[in-house]
Full PDB file with SEQRES, HELIX, SHEET, SSBOND, CRYST1, ORIGX, SCALE, CONECT and MASTER records, all heavy atoms in Angstrom:
SEQRES   1 A   43  ALA GLY PRO LEU LEU ARG LEU CYS LYS GLU ARG GLY ILE          
SEQRES   2 A   43  GLN ARG LEU ALA GLY ILE ASP ALA SER ALA GLU ALA ILE          
SEQRES   3 A   43  ALA LEU ALA LYS GLU ARG LEU PRO GLU ALA ASP LEU GLN          
SEQRES   4 A   43  VAL GLY ASP PHE                                              
HELIX    1 AA1 PRO A    3  ARG A   11  1                                   9    
HELIX    2 AA2 ALA A   23  ARG A   32  1                                  10    
SHEET    1 AA1 2 ALA A  17  ASP A  20  0                                        
SHEET    2 AA1 2 ASP A  37  VAL A  40  1                                        
CRYST1    1.000    1.000    1.000  90.00  90.00  90.00 P 1           1          
ORIGX1      1.000000  0.000000  0.000000        0.00000                         
ORIGX2      0.000000  1.000000  0.000000        0.00000                         
ORIGX3      0.000000  0.000000  1.000000        0.00000                         
SCALE1      1.000000  0.000000  0.000000        0.00000                         
SCALE2      0.000000  1.000000  0.000000        0.00000                         
SCALE3      0.000000  0.000000  1.000000        0.00000                         
ATOM      1  N   ALA A   1     105.440  89.621 106.383  1.00  0.00           N  
ATOM      2  CA  ALA A   1     104.094  89.084 106.134  1.00  0.00           C  
ATOM      3  C   ALA A   1     103.958  87.578 106.538  1.00  0.00           C  
ATOM      4  O   ALA A   1     102.924  86.989 106.244  1.00  0.00           O  
ATOM      5  CB  ALA A   1     103.841  89.184 104.665  1.00  0.00           C  
ATOM      6  N   GLY A   2     104.909  87.108 107.170  1.00  0.00           N  
ATOM      7  CA  GLY A   2     104.822  85.650 107.644  1.00  0.00           C  
ATOM      8  C   GLY A   2     105.187  84.480 106.838  1.00  0.00           C  
ATOM      9  O   GLY A   2     104.673  83.462 107.128  1.00  0.00           O  
ATOM     10  N   PRO A   3     106.145  84.648 105.911  1.00  0.00           N  
ATOM     11  CA  PRO A   3     106.496  83.470 105.040  1.00  0.00           C  
ATOM     12  C   PRO A   3     107.084  82.377 105.803  1.00  0.00           C  
ATOM     13  O   PRO A   3     106.780  81.091 105.567  1.00  0.00           O  
ATOM     14  CB  PRO A   3     107.567  84.067 104.129  1.00  0.00           C  
ATOM     15  CG  PRO A   3     108.058  85.366 104.767  1.00  0.00           C  
ATOM     16  CD  PRO A   3     106.870  85.855 105.540  1.00  0.00           C  
ATOM     17  N   LEU A   4     107.929  82.675 106.825  1.00  0.00           N  
ATOM     18  CA  LEU A   4     108.527  81.593 107.641  1.00  0.00           C  
ATOM     19  C   LEU A   4     107.435  80.939 108.458  1.00  0.00           C  
ATOM     20  O   LEU A   4     107.455  79.590 108.576  1.00  0.00           O  
ATOM     21  CB  LEU A   4     109.755  82.132 108.487  1.00  0.00           C  
ATOM     22  CG  LEU A   4     110.448  81.047 109.271  1.00  0.00           C  
ATOM     23  CD1 LEU A   4     111.347  80.290 108.331  1.00  0.00           C  
ATOM     24  CD2 LEU A   4     111.287  81.626 110.353  1.00  0.00           C  
ATOM     25  N   LEU A   5     106.735  81.649 109.012  1.00  0.00           N  
ATOM     26  CA  LEU A   5     105.568  81.075 109.827  1.00  0.00           C  
ATOM     27  C   LEU A   5     104.703  80.260 109.063  1.00  0.00           C  
ATOM     28  O   LEU A   5     104.190  79.226 109.485  1.00  0.00           O  
ATOM     29  CB  LEU A   5     104.751  82.086 110.559  1.00  0.00           C  
ATOM     30  CG  LEU A   5     105.522  83.023 111.626  1.00  0.00           C  
ATOM     31  CD1 LEU A   5     104.784  84.208 112.108  1.00  0.00           C  
ATOM     32  CD2 LEU A   5     106.133  82.111 112.822  1.00  0.00           C  
ATOM     33  N   ARG A   6     104.398  80.618 107.842  1.00  0.00           N  
ATOM     34  CA  ARG A   6     103.617  79.910 106.902  1.00  0.00           C  
ATOM     35  C   ARG A   6     104.142  78.569 106.728  1.00  0.00           C  
ATOM     36  O   ARG A   6     103.441  77.507 106.773  1.00  0.00           O  
ATOM     37  CB  ARG A   6     103.370  80.693 105.526  1.00  0.00           C  
ATOM     38  CG  ARG A   6     102.902  79.842 104.466  1.00  0.00           C  
ATOM     39  CD  ARG A   6     102.919  80.655 103.108  1.00  0.00           C  
ATOM     40  NE  ARG A   6     102.413  79.904 101.978  1.00  0.00           N  
ATOM     41  CZ  ARG A   6     102.391  80.339 100.729  1.00  0.00           C  
ATOM     42  NH1 ARG A   6     102.934  81.530 100.573  1.00  0.00           N  
ATOM     43  NH2 ARG A   6     101.897  79.670  99.747  1.00  0.00           N  
ATOM     44  N   LEU A   7     105.580  78.462 106.453  1.00  0.00           N  
ATOM     45  CA  LEU A   7     106.194  77.217 106.153  1.00  0.00           C  
ATOM     46  C   LEU A   7     106.150  76.438 107.558  1.00  0.00           C  
ATOM     47  O   LEU A   7     106.016  75.122 107.493  1.00  0.00           O  
ATOM     48  CB  LEU A   7     107.602  77.511 105.715  1.00  0.00           C  
ATOM     49  CG  LEU A   7     108.453  76.382 105.166  1.00  0.00           C  
ATOM     50  CD1 LEU A   7     107.682  75.715 104.055  1.00  0.00           C  
ATOM     51  CD2 LEU A   7     109.728  76.841 104.630  1.00  0.00           C  
ATOM     52  N   CYS A   8     106.361  77.057 108.715  1.00  0.00           N  
ATOM     53  CA  CYS A   8     106.306  76.297 109.933  1.00  0.00           C  
ATOM     54  C   CYS A   8     104.834  75.572 110.101  1.00  0.00           C  
ATOM     55  O   CYS A   8     104.778  74.583 110.600  1.00  0.00           O  
ATOM     56  CB  CYS A   8     106.545  77.238 111.032  1.00  0.00           C  
ATOM     57  SG  CYS A   8     108.240  77.770 111.268  1.00  0.00           S  
ATOM     58  N   LYS A   9     103.898  76.360 109.842  1.00  0.00           N  
ATOM     59  CA  LYS A   9     102.569  75.654 109.926  1.00  0.00           C  
ATOM     60  C   LYS A   9     102.423  74.520 109.074  1.00  0.00           C  
ATOM     61  O   LYS A   9     101.858  73.505 109.473  1.00  0.00           O  
ATOM     62  CB  LYS A   9     101.446  76.821 109.491  1.00  0.00           C  
ATOM     63  CG  LYS A   9     100.099  76.335 109.556  1.00  0.00           C  
ATOM     64  CD  LYS A   9      99.072  77.339 109.071  1.00  0.00           C  
ATOM     65  CE  LYS A   9      97.661  76.853 109.076  1.00  0.00           C  
ATOM     66  NZ  LYS A   9      96.654  77.871 108.508  1.00  0.00           N  
ATOM     67  N   GLU A  10     102.917  74.611 107.847  1.00  0.00           N  
ATOM     68  CA  GLU A  10     102.824  73.485 106.877  1.00  0.00           C  
ATOM     69  C   GLU A  10     103.643  72.322 107.359  1.00  0.00           C  
ATOM     70  O   GLU A  10     103.266  71.161 107.019  1.00  0.00           O  
ATOM     71  CB  GLU A  10     103.396  73.985 105.474  1.00  0.00           C  
ATOM     72  CG  GLU A  10     102.457  75.011 104.826  1.00  0.00           C  
ATOM     73  CD  GLU A  10     103.122  75.470 103.429  1.00  0.00           C  
ATOM     74  OE1 GLU A  10     104.223  75.041 103.232  1.00  0.00           O  
ATOM     75  OE2 GLU A  10     102.513  76.361 102.881  1.00  0.00           O  
ATOM     76  N   ARG A  11     104.662  72.575 108.284  1.00  0.00           N  
ATOM     77  CA  ARG A  11     105.460  71.442 108.815  1.00  0.00           C  
ATOM     78  C   ARG A  11     104.973  70.969 110.094  1.00  0.00           C  
ATOM     79  O   ARG A  11     105.644  70.171 110.804  1.00  0.00           O  
ATOM     80  CB  ARG A  11     106.978  71.991 108.846  1.00  0.00           C  
ATOM     81  CG  ARG A  11     107.567  72.262 107.512  1.00  0.00           C  
ATOM     82  CD  ARG A  11     107.850  70.947 106.793  1.00  0.00           C  
ATOM     83  NE  ARG A  11     108.823  70.161 107.442  1.00  0.00           N  
ATOM     84  CZ  ARG A  11     110.219  70.193 107.222  1.00  0.00           C  
ATOM     85  NH1 ARG A  11     110.684  71.145 106.568  1.00  0.00           N  
ATOM     86  NH2 ARG A  11     111.008  69.368 107.959  1.00  0.00           N  
ATOM     87  N   GLY A  12     103.797  71.584 110.613  1.00  0.00           N  
ATOM     88  CA  GLY A  12     103.217  71.032 111.846  1.00  0.00           C  
ATOM     89  C   GLY A  12     103.517  71.733 113.117  1.00  0.00           C  
ATOM     90  O   GLY A  12     103.111  71.176 114.179  1.00  0.00           O  
ATOM     91  N   ILE A  13     104.194  72.887 112.973  1.00  0.00           N  
ATOM     92  CA  ILE A  13     104.432  73.591 114.218  1.00  0.00           C  
ATOM     93  C   ILE A  13     103.221  74.179 114.796  1.00  0.00           C  
ATOM     94  O   ILE A  13     102.335  74.759 114.112  1.00  0.00           O  
ATOM     95  CB  ILE A  13     105.424  74.751 114.031  1.00  0.00           C  
ATOM     96  CG1 ILE A  13     106.663  74.281 113.376  1.00  0.00           C  
ATOM     97  CG2 ILE A  13     105.769  75.458 115.255  1.00  0.00           C  
ATOM     98  CD1 ILE A  13     107.444  73.340 114.141  1.00  0.00           C  
ATOM     99  N   GLN A  14     102.878  73.901 116.030  1.00  0.00           N  
ATOM    100  CA  GLN A  14     101.416  74.183 116.516  1.00  0.00           C  
ATOM    101  C   GLN A  14     101.213  75.614 117.060  1.00  0.00           C  
ATOM    102  O   GLN A  14     100.221  76.176 116.799  1.00  0.00           O  
ATOM    103  CB  GLN A  14     101.176  73.195 117.708  1.00  0.00           C  
ATOM    104  CG  GLN A  14     101.291  71.716 117.448  1.00  0.00           C  
ATOM    105  CD  GLN A  14     101.248  70.917 118.610  1.00  0.00           C  
ATOM    106  OE1 GLN A  14     101.266  71.228 119.631  1.00  0.00           O  
ATOM    107  NE2 GLN A  14     101.174  69.523 118.335  1.00  0.00           N  
ATOM    108  N   ARG A  15     102.244  76.357 117.695  1.00  0.00           N  
ATOM    109  CA  ARG A  15     102.076  77.642 118.125  1.00  0.00           C  
ATOM    110  C   ARG A  15     102.965  78.576 117.327  1.00  0.00           C  
ATOM    111  O   ARG A  15     104.278  78.417 117.383  1.00  0.00           O  
ATOM    112  CB  ARG A  15     102.393  77.593 119.559  1.00  0.00           C  
ATOM    113  CG  ARG A  15     102.200  79.172 120.181  1.00  0.00           C  
ATOM    114  CD  ARG A  15     102.555  79.133 121.682  1.00  0.00           C  
ATOM    115  NE  ARG A  15     102.544  80.454 122.113  1.00  0.00           N  
ATOM    116  CZ  ARG A  15     103.447  81.000 123.119  1.00  0.00           C  
ATOM    117  NH1 ARG A  15     104.278  80.182 123.642  1.00  0.00           N  
ATOM    118  NH2 ARG A  15     103.368  82.172 123.472  1.00  0.00           N  
ATOM    119  N   LEU A  16     102.383  79.592 116.707  1.00  0.00           N  
ATOM    120  CA  LEU A  16     103.132  80.542 115.799  1.00  0.00           C  
ATOM    121  C   LEU A  16     102.983  81.906 116.332  1.00  0.00           C  
ATOM    122  O   LEU A  16     101.821  82.378 116.718  1.00  0.00           O  
ATOM    123  CB  LEU A  16     102.614  80.494 114.484  1.00  0.00           C  
ATOM    124  CG  LEU A  16     102.483  79.060 113.717  1.00  0.00           C  
ATOM    125  CD1 LEU A  16     101.712  79.280 112.437  1.00  0.00           C  
ATOM    126  CD2 LEU A  16     103.875  78.470 113.511  1.00  0.00           C  
ATOM    127  N   ALA A  17     104.158  82.627 116.336  1.00  0.00           N  
ATOM    128  CA  ALA A  17     104.090  83.975 116.796  1.00  0.00           C  
ATOM    129  C   ALA A  17     105.117  84.825 116.077  1.00  0.00           C  
ATOM    130  O   ALA A  17     106.137  84.218 115.473  1.00  0.00           O  
ATOM    131  CB  ALA A  17     104.297  84.189 118.312  1.00  0.00           C  
ATOM    132  N   GLY A  18     104.795  86.050 115.752  1.00  0.00           N  
ATOM    133  CA  GLY A  18     105.703  86.982 115.062  1.00  0.00           C  
ATOM    134  C   GLY A  18     105.518  88.415 115.561  1.00  0.00           C  
ATOM    135  O   GLY A  18     104.401  88.841 115.990  1.00  0.00           O  
ATOM    136  N   ILE A  19     106.485  89.186 115.290  1.00  0.00           N  
ATOM    137  CA  ILE A  19     106.457  90.681 115.535  1.00  0.00           C  
ATOM    138  C   ILE A  19     107.156  91.294 114.397  1.00  0.00           C  
ATOM    139  O   ILE A  19     108.314  90.835 113.899  1.00  0.00           O  
ATOM    140  CB  ILE A  19     107.088  90.975 116.849  1.00  0.00           C  
ATOM    141  CG1 ILE A  19     106.956  92.559 117.217  1.00  0.00           C  
ATOM    142  CG2 ILE A  19     108.564  90.546 116.959  1.00  0.00           C  
ATOM    143  CD1 ILE A  19     107.263  92.895 118.670  1.00  0.00           C  
ATOM    144  N   ASP A  20     106.700  92.444 113.891  1.00  0.00           N  
ATOM    145  CA  ASP A  20     107.212  93.158 112.897  1.00  0.00           C  
ATOM    146  C   ASP A  20     106.936  94.673 112.977  1.00  0.00           C  
ATOM    147  O   ASP A  20     105.764  95.061 113.404  1.00  0.00           O  
ATOM    148  CB  ASP A  20     106.876  92.666 111.483  1.00  0.00           C  
ATOM    149  CG  ASP A  20     107.799  93.152 110.292  1.00  0.00           C  
ATOM    150  OD1 ASP A  20     107.537  94.289 109.753  1.00  0.00           O  
ATOM    151  OD2 ASP A  20     108.790  92.423 110.101  1.00  0.00           O  
ATOM    152  N   ALA A  21     107.809  95.601 112.453  1.00  0.00           N  
ATOM    153  CA  ALA A  21     107.485  96.998 112.482  1.00  0.00           C  
ATOM    154  C   ALA A  21     106.513  97.411 111.538  1.00  0.00           C  
ATOM    155  O   ALA A  21     105.880  98.505 111.689  1.00  0.00           O  
ATOM    156  CB  ALA A  21     108.865  97.761 112.302  1.00  0.00           C  
ATOM    157  N   SER A  22     106.343  96.650 110.545  1.00  0.00           N  
ATOM    158  CA  SER A  22     105.381  97.030 109.491  1.00  0.00           C  
ATOM    159  C   SER A  22     103.926  96.606 109.664  1.00  0.00           C  
ATOM    160  O   SER A  22     103.543  95.411 109.757  1.00  0.00           O  
ATOM    161  CB  SER A  22     105.820  96.470 108.113  1.00  0.00           C  
ATOM    162  OG  SER A  22     104.832  96.669 107.150  1.00  0.00           O  
ATOM    163  N   ALA A  23     103.005  97.600 109.866  1.00  0.00           N  
ATOM    164  CA  ALA A  23     101.662  97.265 110.151  1.00  0.00           C  
ATOM    165  C   ALA A  23     101.134  96.721 108.667  1.00  0.00           C  
ATOM    166  O   ALA A  23     100.159  95.896 108.845  1.00  0.00           O  
ATOM    167  CB  ALA A  23     100.942  98.660 110.465  1.00  0.00           C  
ATOM    168  N   GLU A  24     101.535  97.077 107.743  1.00  0.00           N  
ATOM    169  CA  GLU A  24     101.077  96.659 106.431  1.00  0.00           C  
ATOM    170  C   GLU A  24     101.376  95.124 106.329  1.00  0.00           C  
ATOM    171  O   GLU A  24     100.568  94.255 105.908  1.00  0.00           O  
ATOM    172  CB  GLU A  24     101.687  97.276 105.185  1.00  0.00           C  
ATOM    173  CG  GLU A  24     101.287  98.799 105.104  1.00  0.00           C  
ATOM    174  CD  GLU A  24      99.830  98.886 104.575  1.00  0.00           C  
ATOM    175  OE1 GLU A  24      99.195  98.019 104.311  1.00  0.00           O  
ATOM    176  OE2 GLU A  24      99.447  99.998 104.554  1.00  0.00           O  
ATOM    177  N   ALA A  25     102.529  94.707 106.675  1.00  0.00           N  
ATOM    178  CA  ALA A  25     102.887  93.315 106.573  1.00  0.00           C  
ATOM    179  C   ALA A  25     102.229  92.414 107.593  1.00  0.00           C  
ATOM    180  O   ALA A  25     101.787  91.302 107.244  1.00  0.00           O  
ATOM    181  CB  ALA A  25     104.492  93.147 106.798  1.00  0.00           C  
ATOM    182  N   ILE A  26     102.015  92.944 108.853  1.00  0.00           N  
ATOM    183  CA  ILE A  26     101.424  92.240 109.775  1.00  0.00           C  
ATOM    184  C   ILE A  26      99.884  92.009 109.427  1.00  0.00           C  
ATOM    185  O   ILE A  26      99.329  90.939 109.712  1.00  0.00           O  
ATOM    186  CB  ILE A  26     101.494  92.884 111.208  1.00  0.00           C  
ATOM    187  CG1 ILE A  26     102.991  92.693 111.748  1.00  0.00           C  
ATOM    188  CG2 ILE A  26     100.477  92.281 112.181  1.00  0.00           C  
ATOM    189  CD1 ILE A  26     103.406  91.269 112.004  1.00  0.00           C  
ATOM    190  N   ALA A  27      99.283  93.135 108.819  1.00  0.00           N  
ATOM    191  CA  ALA A  27      98.017  92.931 108.358  1.00  0.00           C  
ATOM    192  C   ALA A  27      97.688  91.755 107.517  1.00  0.00           C  
ATOM    193  O   ALA A  27      96.745  91.032 107.592  1.00  0.00           O  
ATOM    194  CB  ALA A  27      97.436  94.263 107.762  1.00  0.00           C  
ATOM    195  N   LEU A  28      98.572  91.675 106.532  1.00  0.00           N  
ATOM    196  CA  LEU A  28      98.608  90.507 105.603  1.00  0.00           C  
ATOM    197  C   LEU A  28      98.716  89.064 106.324  1.00  0.00           C  
ATOM    198  O   LEU A  28      97.976  88.193 106.129  1.00  0.00           O  
ATOM    199  CB  LEU A  28      99.508  90.591 104.408  1.00  0.00           C  
ATOM    200  CG  LEU A  28      99.550  89.517 103.435  1.00  0.00           C  
ATOM    201  CD1 LEU A  28      98.177  89.355 102.712  1.00  0.00           C  
ATOM    202  CD2 LEU A  28     100.735  89.804 102.378  1.00  0.00           C  
ATOM    203  N   ALA A  29      99.662  89.216 107.162  1.00  0.00           N  
ATOM    204  CA  ALA A  29      99.993  87.898 107.838  1.00  0.00           C  
ATOM    205  C   ALA A  29      98.801  87.454 108.779  1.00  0.00           C  
ATOM    206  O   ALA A  29      98.524  86.254 108.891  1.00  0.00           O  
ATOM    207  CB  ALA A  29     101.275  88.132 108.892  1.00  0.00           C  
ATOM    208  N   LYS A  30      98.127  88.388 109.476  1.00  0.00           N  
ATOM    209  CA  LYS A  30      96.932  88.155 110.095  1.00  0.00           C  
ATOM    210  C   LYS A  30      95.858  87.556 109.395  1.00  0.00           C  
ATOM    211  O   LYS A  30      95.066  86.642 109.812  1.00  0.00           O  
ATOM    212  CB  LYS A  30      96.476  89.271 110.922  1.00  0.00           C  
ATOM    213  CG  LYS A  30      97.341  89.666 112.152  1.00  0.00           C  
ATOM    214  CD  LYS A  30      96.797  90.903 112.893  1.00  0.00           C  
ATOM    215  CE  LYS A  30      97.491  91.113 114.227  1.00  0.00           C  
ATOM    216  NZ  LYS A  30      96.946  92.290 114.958  1.00  0.00           N  
ATOM    217  N   GLU A  31      95.780  88.079 108.148  1.00  0.00           N  
ATOM    218  CA  GLU A  31      94.708  87.573 107.220  1.00  0.00           C  
ATOM    219  C   GLU A  31      94.947  86.175 106.837  1.00  0.00           C  
ATOM    220  O   GLU A  31      94.049  85.231 106.716  1.00  0.00           O  
ATOM    221  CB  GLU A  31      94.623  88.475 105.985  1.00  0.00           C  
ATOM    222  CG  GLU A  31      93.683  87.921 104.865  1.00  0.00           C  
ATOM    223  CD  GLU A  31      93.849  88.786 103.635  1.00  0.00           C  
ATOM    224  OE1 GLU A  31      94.028  90.082 103.710  1.00  0.00           O  
ATOM    225  OE2 GLU A  31      93.839  88.260 102.503  1.00  0.00           O  
ATOM    226  N   ARG A  32      96.238  85.832 106.523  1.00  0.00           N  
ATOM    227  CA  ARG A  32      96.616  84.471 106.053  1.00  0.00           C  
ATOM    228  C   ARG A  32      96.913  83.464 107.106  1.00  0.00           C  
ATOM    229  O   ARG A  32      96.798  82.316 106.976  1.00  0.00           O  
ATOM    230  CB  ARG A  32      97.825  84.607 105.157  1.00  0.00           C  
ATOM    231  CG  ARG A  32      97.802  85.711 104.071  1.00  0.00           C  
ATOM    232  CD  ARG A  32      96.799  85.201 102.971  1.00  0.00           C  
ATOM    233  NE  ARG A  32      96.623  86.239 101.976  1.00  0.00           N  
ATOM    234  CZ  ARG A  32      97.276  86.487 100.913  1.00  0.00           C  
ATOM    235  NH1 ARG A  32      98.459  85.751 100.691  1.00  0.00           N  
ATOM    236  NH2 ARG A  32      96.972  87.392 100.130  1.00  0.00           N  
ATOM    237  N   LEU A  33      97.170  84.042 108.301  1.00  0.00           N  
ATOM    238  CA  LEU A  33      97.558  83.214 109.512  1.00  0.00           C  
ATOM    239  C   LEU A  33      96.764  83.552 110.812  1.00  0.00           C  
ATOM    240  O   LEU A  33      97.323  84.026 111.728  1.00  0.00           O  
ATOM    241  CB  LEU A  33      99.048  83.148 109.773  1.00  0.00           C  
ATOM    242  CG  LEU A  33      99.986  82.578 108.737  1.00  0.00           C  
ATOM    243  CD1 LEU A  33     101.463  82.928 108.945  1.00  0.00           C  
ATOM    244  CD2 LEU A  33      99.846  81.013 108.593  1.00  0.00           C  
ATOM    245  N   PRO A  34      95.411  83.411 110.706  1.00  0.00           N  
ATOM    246  CA  PRO A  34      94.705  83.856 111.647  1.00  0.00           C  
ATOM    247  C   PRO A  34      94.875  83.278 113.088  1.00  0.00           C  
ATOM    248  O   PRO A  34      94.624  83.904 114.187  1.00  0.00           O  
ATOM    249  CB  PRO A  34      93.142  83.735 111.237  1.00  0.00           C  
ATOM    250  CG  PRO A  34      93.381  82.617 110.289  1.00  0.00           C  
ATOM    251  CD  PRO A  34      94.564  82.774 109.571  1.00  0.00           C  
ATOM    252  N   GLU A  35      95.421  82.079 113.137  1.00  0.00           N  
ATOM    253  CA  GLU A  35      95.618  81.395 114.318  1.00  0.00           C  
ATOM    254  C   GLU A  35      97.020  81.807 115.046  1.00  0.00           C  
ATOM    255  O   GLU A  35      97.290  81.492 116.184  1.00  0.00           O  
ATOM    256  CB  GLU A  35      95.756  79.865 114.159  1.00  0.00           C  
ATOM    257  CG  GLU A  35      97.008  79.412 113.374  1.00  0.00           C  
ATOM    258  CD  GLU A  35      96.911  79.601 111.910  1.00  0.00           C  
ATOM    259  OE1 GLU A  35      96.147  80.438 111.416  1.00  0.00           O  
ATOM    260  OE2 GLU A  35      97.598  78.774 111.226  1.00  0.00           O  
ATOM    261  N   ALA A  36      97.771  82.527 114.394  1.00  0.00           N  
ATOM    262  CA  ALA A  36      99.064  83.086 114.900  1.00  0.00           C  
ATOM    263  C   ALA A  36      98.971  84.293 115.832  1.00  0.00           C  
ATOM    264  O   ALA A  36      98.084  85.139 115.594  1.00  0.00           O  
ATOM    265  CB  ALA A  36     100.040  83.363 113.777  1.00  0.00           C  
ATOM    266  N   ASP A  37      99.892  84.489 116.741  1.00  0.00           N  
ATOM    267  CA  ASP A  37      99.897  85.585 117.578  1.00  0.00           C  
ATOM    268  C   ASP A  37     100.851  86.521 116.956  1.00  0.00           C  
ATOM    269  O   ASP A  37     102.159  86.503 117.081  1.00  0.00           O  
ATOM    270  CB  ASP A  37     100.412  85.250 119.000  1.00  0.00           C  
ATOM    271  CG  ASP A  37     100.486  86.346 119.964  1.00  0.00           C  
ATOM    272  OD1 ASP A  37     100.239  87.463 119.683  1.00  0.00           O  
ATOM    273  OD2 ASP A  37     101.037  86.179 121.177  1.00  0.00           O  
ATOM    274  N   LEU A  38     100.363  87.597 116.320  1.00  0.00           N  
ATOM    275  CA  LEU A  38     101.115  88.564 115.322  1.00  0.00           C  
ATOM    276  C   LEU A  38     100.950  89.865 116.087  1.00  0.00           C  
ATOM    277  O   LEU A  38      99.917  90.442 116.179  1.00  0.00           O  
ATOM    278  CB  LEU A  38     100.629  88.388 114.008  1.00  0.00           C  
ATOM    279  CG  LEU A  38     100.812  86.977 113.406  1.00  0.00           C  
ATOM    280  CD1 LEU A  38      99.977  86.978 112.054  1.00  0.00           C  
ATOM    281  CD2 LEU A  38     102.286  86.707 113.048  1.00  0.00           C  
ATOM    282  N   GLN A  39     102.163  90.581 116.129  1.00  0.00           N  
ATOM    283  CA  GLN A  39     102.260  91.931 116.778  1.00  0.00           C  
ATOM    284  C   GLN A  39     102.873  92.928 115.940  1.00  0.00           C  
ATOM    285  O   GLN A  39     103.915  92.530 115.300  1.00  0.00           O  
ATOM    286  CB  GLN A  39     102.895  91.810 118.124  1.00  0.00           C  
ATOM    287  CG  GLN A  39     102.352  90.836 119.248  1.00  0.00           C  
ATOM    288  CD  GLN A  39     100.971  91.153 119.681  1.00  0.00           C  
ATOM    289  OE1 GLN A  39     100.672  92.379 119.829  1.00  0.00           O  
ATOM    290  NE2 GLN A  39     100.052  90.182 120.026  1.00  0.00           N  
ATOM    291  N   VAL A  40     102.362  94.120 115.947  1.00  0.00           N  
ATOM    292  CA  VAL A  40     103.151  95.184 115.352  1.00  0.00           C  
ATOM    293  C   VAL A  40     104.107  95.912 116.422  1.00  0.00           C  
ATOM    294  O   VAL A  40     103.569  96.255 117.453  1.00  0.00           O  
ATOM    295  CB  VAL A  40     102.155  96.331 114.702  1.00  0.00           C  
ATOM    296  CG1 VAL A  40     102.946  97.453 114.060  1.00  0.00           C  
ATOM    297  CG2 VAL A  40     101.298  95.654 113.602  1.00  0.00           C  
ATOM    298  N   GLY A  41     105.332  95.984 116.114  1.00  0.00           N  
ATOM    299  CA  GLY A  41     106.207  96.624 117.154  1.00  0.00           C  
ATOM    300  C   GLY A  41     107.559  96.563 116.786  1.00  0.00           C  
ATOM    301  O   GLY A  41     108.001  95.874 115.825  1.00  0.00           O  
ATOM    302  N   ASP A  42     108.425  97.254 117.528  1.00  0.00           N  
ATOM    303  CA  ASP A  42     109.872  97.345 117.383  1.00  0.00           C  
ATOM    304  C   ASP A  42     110.387  96.314 118.348  1.00  0.00           C  
ATOM    305  O   ASP A  42     110.431  96.620 119.558  1.00  0.00           O  
ATOM    306  CB  ASP A  42     110.359  98.788 117.577  1.00  0.00           C  
ATOM    307  CG  ASP A  42     111.817  98.907 117.556  1.00  0.00           C  
ATOM    308  OD1 ASP A  42     112.515  97.867 117.259  1.00  0.00           O  
ATOM    309  OD2 ASP A  42     112.349 100.095 117.692  1.00  0.00           O  
ATOM    310  N   PHE A  43     110.817  95.253 117.908  1.00  0.00           N  
ATOM    311  CA  PHE A  43     111.386  94.142 118.817  1.00  0.00           C  
ATOM    312  C   PHE A  43     112.655  94.628 119.492  1.00  0.00           C  
ATOM    313  O   PHE A  43     113.115  94.023 120.519  1.00  0.00           O  
ATOM    314  CB  PHE A  43     111.488  92.847 118.133  1.00  0.00           C  
ATOM    315  CG  PHE A  43     112.612  92.767 117.060  1.00  0.00           C  
ATOM    316  CD1 PHE A  43     113.981  92.602 117.412  1.00  0.00           C  
ATOM    317  CD2 PHE A  43     112.270  92.810 115.711  1.00  0.00           C  
ATOM    318  CE1 PHE A  43     115.008  92.460 116.425  1.00  0.00           C  
ATOM    319  CE2 PHE A  43     113.428  92.709 114.753  1.00  0.00           C  
ATOM    320  CZ  PHE A  43     114.585  92.632 115.105  1.00  0.00           C  
TER     321      PHE A  43                                                      
MASTER        0    0    0    2    2    0    0    6  320    1    0    4          
END                                                                             
């Protein structure tokens, strides 16, 4: 759901991206981090 990316944003990291197999988790991450490039998939 993006907890590490959330912390990165708070520390000033400008470009955030993530991938996860869970559509449920990514849906929440997109809601909370709309500026991030977030993908559902098997990395």
